[in-house]
Amino acid sequence: MEEKIRAESHKVIEKAFNRTERRGSIAPDEVKKLITEMQPGWEINASELEQEIANAERSGTGKVDWGGFNKVAMHFFMKQSKQLQDQFIHKHEVGSSDFEAPPNKLE
């Protein structure tokens, strides 16, 4: 399942990066913009995003290359996927114990 998500997400991420990339890397504020444009409904923690960008930017230029952008975006794609899956973990089949006992008719 994770590999399928990665493969599908990779295409979306690559399109977004190639749409704005001019010299092989993009500025951190552009990373933030692209991440939120790819999935507008996501709730992305700003400090977590900044930390992921800082980890991805290792060239010393202050910019994020394709590999770094892919890593940051994939982090959030996988996190979102896990959150969606977790919504169903605590669901269970309906059983007789889910209903009140019928009233006693012998009264």
Protein backbone atom coordinates (compact mmCIF):
# COMPACT_ATOMS: atom_id res chain seq x y z
CA MET A 1 0.00 0.00 0.00
CA GLU A 2 2.76 2.42 0.94
CA GLU A 3 4.57 1.79 -2.36
CA LYS A 4 1.41 2.55 -4.33
CA ILE A 5 0.96 5.82 -2.45
CA ARG A 6 4.59 6.71 -3.04
CA ALA A 7 4.36 6.01 -6.79
CA GLU A 8 1.16 8.02 -7.24
CA SER A 9 2.39 10.87 -5.05
CA HIS A 10 5.73 11.01 -6.85
CA LYS A 11 3.99 12.00 -10.10
CA VAL A 12 2.09 14.83 -8.41
CA ILE A 13 5.19 16.05 -6.59
CA GLU A 14 7.33 16.00 -9.73
CA LYS A 15 4.75 17.98 -11.71
CA ALA A 16 4.53 20.63 -8.99
CA PHE A 17 8.32 20.97 -8.75
CA ASN A 18 8.84 21.12 -12.52
CA ARG A 19 6.15 23.78 -12.84
CA THR A 20 8.20 26.27 -10.80
CA GLU A 21 11.80 25.04 -10.87
CA ARG A 22 14.15 27.06 -13.08
CA ARG A 23 17.68 26.32 -11.91
CA GLY A 24 17.41 22.98 -10.18
CA SER A 25 16.27 24.29 -6.82
CA ILE A 26 13.54 26.38 -5.22
CA ALA A 27 13.33 28.73 -2.25
CA PRO A 28 11.84 27.50 1.05
CA ASP A 29 8.82 29.80 0.73
CA GLU A 30 8.12 28.23 -2.67
CA VAL A 31 8.25 24.78 -1.03
CA LYS A 32 5.57 25.87 1.45
CA LYS A 33 3.42 27.27 -1.34
CA LEU A 34 3.68 24.13 -3.48
CA ILE A 35 2.92 21.77 -0.58
CA THR A 36 -0.27 23.64 0.29
CA GLU A 37 -1.28 23.94 -3.39
CA MET A 38 -0.91 20.20 -3.96
CA GLN A 39 -3.34 19.37 -1.16
CA PRO A 40 -5.27 22.47 -0.07
CA GLY A 41 -7.34 20.69 2.58
CA TRP A 42 -4.35 19.45 4.56
CA GLU A 43 -3.63 20.86 7.96
CA ILE A 44 0.13 21.33 7.88
CA ASN A 45 1.96 22.31 11.05
CA ALA A 46 4.14 25.31 10.13
CA SER A 47 7.00 24.41 12.47
CA GLU A 48 7.02 20.81 11.23
CA LEU A 49 7.14 22.06 7.64
CA GLU A 50 10.00 24.43 8.46
CA GLN A 51 11.92 21.59 10.13
CA GLU A 52 11.42 19.30 7.13
CA ILE A 53 12.61 22.06 4.79
CA ALA A 54 15.66 22.71 6.98
CA ASN A 55 16.50 18.99 6.88
CA ALA A 56 16.07 18.93 3.09
CA GLU A 57 18.24 22.00 2.44
CA ARG A 58 21.77 20.74 2.86
CA SER A 59 23.56 22.47 0.01
CA GLY A 60 24.16 25.69 1.93
CA THR A 61 22.46 27.75 -0.78
CA GLY A 62 19.26 28.27 1.18
CA LYS A 63 17.33 26.49 -1.58
CA VAL A 64 15.78 23.05 -1.87
CA ASP A 65 16.64 20.80 -4.82
CA TRP A 66 14.40 18.14 -6.40
CA GLY A 67 15.51 15.42 -3.97
CA GLY A 68 14.87 17.62 -0.96
CA PHE A 69 11.51 18.79 -2.22
CA ASN A 70 10.49 15.21 -2.94
CA LYS A 71 11.48 14.21 0.61
CA VAL A 72 9.50 17.05 2.21
CA ALA A 73 6.41 16.51 0.08
CA MET A 74 6.50 12.72 0.51
CA HIS A 75 6.71 13.18 4.29
CA PHE A 76 3.40 15.03 4.26
CA PHE A 77 1.76 12.71 1.71
CA MET A 78 2.61 9.68 3.84
CA LYS A 79 1.52 11.42 7.05
CA GLN A 80 -1.83 12.34 5.50
CA SER A 81 -2.29 8.81 4.18
CA LYS A 82 -1.62 7.36 7.63
CA GLN A 83 -4.08 9.74 9.25
CA LEU A 84 -6.78 8.72 6.77
CA GLN A 85 -6.12 5.04 7.45
CA ASP A 86 -6.14 5.58 11.22
CA GLN A 87 -9.70 6.92 11.06
CA PHE A 88 -10.93 3.37 10.53
CA ILE A 89 -8.74 1.50 13.02
CA HIS A 90 -11.16 1.78 15.94
CA LYS A 91 -14.25 0.94 13.93
CA HIS A 92 -15.86 -2.38 14.69
CA GLU A 93 -18.72 -4.49 13.48
CA VAL A 94 -22.08 -3.79 15.01
CA GLY A 95 -23.02 -6.38 17.58
CA SER A 96 -25.94 -7.02 19.89
CA SER A 97 -24.08 -5.34 22.73
CA ASP A 98 -24.30 -2.03 20.81
CA PHE A 99 -28.06 -1.84 21.48
CA GLU A 100 -30.15 -1.46 24.60
CA ALA A 101 -31.90 -4.54 25.90
CA PRO A 102 -35.55 -4.75 24.85
CA PRO A 103 -38.12 -3.87 27.52
CA ASN A 104 -39.50 -6.73 29.57
CA LYS A 105 -42.94 -7.58 28.11
CA LEU A 106 -44.05 -9.77 31.02
CA GLU A 107 -45.05 -6.84 33.19
